[in-house]
Amino acid sequence: MTEVASHKADTVMDVRLGQMNEFREQLRDQAATFATIEKHEGDVKLLSARIDRESAVTLKADAQHDLLEQMGTNRRWLIGLAIGTTFSVIAMALTLLTLVLHLLTNNV
């Protein structure tokens, strides 16, 4: 009877150890799919470099936008100045013409 019990215990232990070995193999297979520290650090460096480049492009685009906006403001200011100067010249010419006509009509 003890031999039968001992044989059953050995069989149960073998089955149990076989299941544990299968579980260990599954864990080993799963661990092979995990990223290594070196791979992770490399990916982080690549992403950081990409973010830096994107930030530089964004800053450059913002600077260009600000420059274009300033140029538009300057253009509007120059157009206003040109229109104001033109009206001033016309007003002075009309005043001078009026003065000359007034002098000519008074002298006649």
Protein backbone atom coordinates (compact mmCIF):
# COMPACT_ATOMS: atom_id res chain seq x y z
CA MET A 1 0.00 0.00 0.00
CA THR A 2 2.79 2.42 0.76
CA GLU A 3 4.37 1.69 -2.58
CA VAL A 4 1.11 2.48 -4.36
CA ALA A 5 0.75 5.72 -2.40
CA SER A 6 4.37 6.59 -3.05
CA HIS A 7 3.92 5.89 -6.76
CA LYS A 8 0.78 8.08 -6.89
CA ALA A 9 2.61 10.85 -5.04
CA ASP A 10 5.49 10.64 -7.53
CA THR A 11 3.06 10.76 -10.45
CA VAL A 12 1.26 13.77 -8.97
CA MET A 13 4.62 15.47 -8.31
CA ASP A 14 5.77 14.80 -11.90
CA VAL A 15 2.55 16.29 -13.28
CA ARG A 16 2.90 19.29 -10.98
CA LEU A 17 6.54 19.83 -11.95
CA GLY A 18 5.61 19.51 -15.63
CA GLN A 19 2.95 22.20 -15.23
CA MET A 20 5.45 24.44 -13.43
CA ASN A 21 7.95 23.97 -16.26
CA GLU A 22 5.27 24.86 -18.83
CA PHE A 23 4.46 27.99 -16.84
CA ARG A 24 8.15 28.92 -16.70
CA GLU A 25 8.43 28.46 -20.48
CA GLN A 26 5.41 30.72 -21.01
CA LEU A 27 7.01 33.38 -18.81
CA ARG A 28 10.30 33.03 -20.71
CA ASP A 29 8.47 33.39 -24.05
CA GLN A 30 6.58 36.41 -22.76
CA ALA A 31 9.76 38.04 -21.41
CA ALA A 32 11.34 37.70 -24.86
CA THR A 33 8.68 40.11 -26.21
CA PHE A 34 9.43 42.81 -23.60
CA ALA A 35 11.50 45.82 -24.57
CA THR A 36 15.03 45.95 -23.27
CA ILE A 37 16.34 48.94 -21.34
CA GLU A 38 18.70 49.74 -24.23
CA LYS A 39 15.84 49.67 -26.75
CA HIS A 40 13.67 51.83 -24.49
CA GLU A 41 16.43 54.38 -23.92
CA GLY A 42 17.15 54.50 -27.66
CA ASP A 43 13.47 55.09 -28.41
CA VAL A 44 13.30 57.85 -25.79
CA LYS A 45 16.36 59.56 -27.30
CA LEU A 46 14.83 59.37 -30.80
CA LEU A 47 11.53 60.77 -29.59
CA SER A 48 13.27 63.55 -27.64
CA ALA A 49 15.25 64.52 -30.74
CA ARG A 50 12.05 64.54 -32.79
CA ILE A 51 10.29 66.71 -30.21
CA ASP A 52 13.24 69.12 -30.25
CA ARG A 53 13.09 69.34 -34.05
CA GLU A 54 9.31 69.84 -34.00
CA SER A 55 9.70 72.54 -31.34
CA ALA A 56 12.32 74.31 -33.44
CA VAL A 57 10.04 74.18 -36.49
CA THR A 58 7.12 75.48 -34.43
CA LEU A 59 9.23 78.34 -33.03
CA LYS A 60 10.43 79.19 -36.54
CA ALA A 61 6.86 79.15 -37.86
CA ASP A 62 5.74 81.36 -34.98
CA ALA A 63 8.58 83.80 -35.68
CA GLN A 64 7.68 83.88 -39.38
CA HIS A 65 4.03 84.49 -38.52
CA ASP A 66 4.99 87.36 -36.21
CA LEU A 67 7.24 88.84 -38.89
CA LEU A 68 4.50 88.64 -41.53
CA GLU A 69 2.04 90.21 -39.12
CA GLN A 70 4.49 93.04 -38.40
CA MET A 71 5.08 93.51 -42.14
CA GLY A 72 1.32 93.76 -42.67
CA THR A 73 1.09 96.37 -39.93
CA ASN A 74 4.00 98.30 -41.45
CA ARG A 75 2.42 98.10 -44.91
CA ARG A 76 -0.88 99.48 -43.63
CA TRP A 77 0.99 102.25 -41.83
CA LEU A 78 2.90 103.13 -45.02
CA ILE A 79 -0.27 103.15 -47.10
CA GLY A 80 -1.89 105.48 -44.57
CA LEU A 81 1.17 107.72 -44.63
CA ALA A 82 1.19 107.81 -48.44
CA ILE A 83 -2.52 108.69 -48.58
CA GLY A 84 -2.11 111.37 -45.91
CA THR A 85 0.92 112.84 -47.67
CA THR A 86 -0.88 112.83 -51.02
CA PHE A 87 -3.86 114.71 -49.57
CA SER A 88 -1.52 117.15 -47.86
CA VAL A 89 0.33 117.84 -51.12
CA ILE A 90 -2.98 118.27 -52.97
CA ALA A 91 -4.24 120.63 -50.25
CA MET A 92 -1.03 122.68 -50.40
CA ALA A 93 -1.19 122.79 -54.20
CA LEU A 94 -4.82 123.95 -54.08
CA THR A 95 -3.95 126.56 -51.46
CA LEU A 96 -1.03 127.80 -53.54
CA LEU A 97 -3.21 127.82 -56.68
CA THR A 98 -5.92 129.75 -54.82
CA LEU A 99 -3.33 132.24 -53.57
CA VAL A 100 -1.87 132.71 -57.06
CA LEU A 101 -5.33 133.16 -58.58
CA HIS A 102 -6.25 135.61 -55.83
CA LEU A 103 -3.09 137.61 -56.47
CA LEU A 104 -3.65 137.56 -60.22
CA THR A 105 -7.27 138.68 -59.95
CA ASN A 106 -6.42 141.48 -57.50
CA ASN A 107 -3.65 142.80 -59.72
CA VAL A 108 -5.80 142.99 -62.79
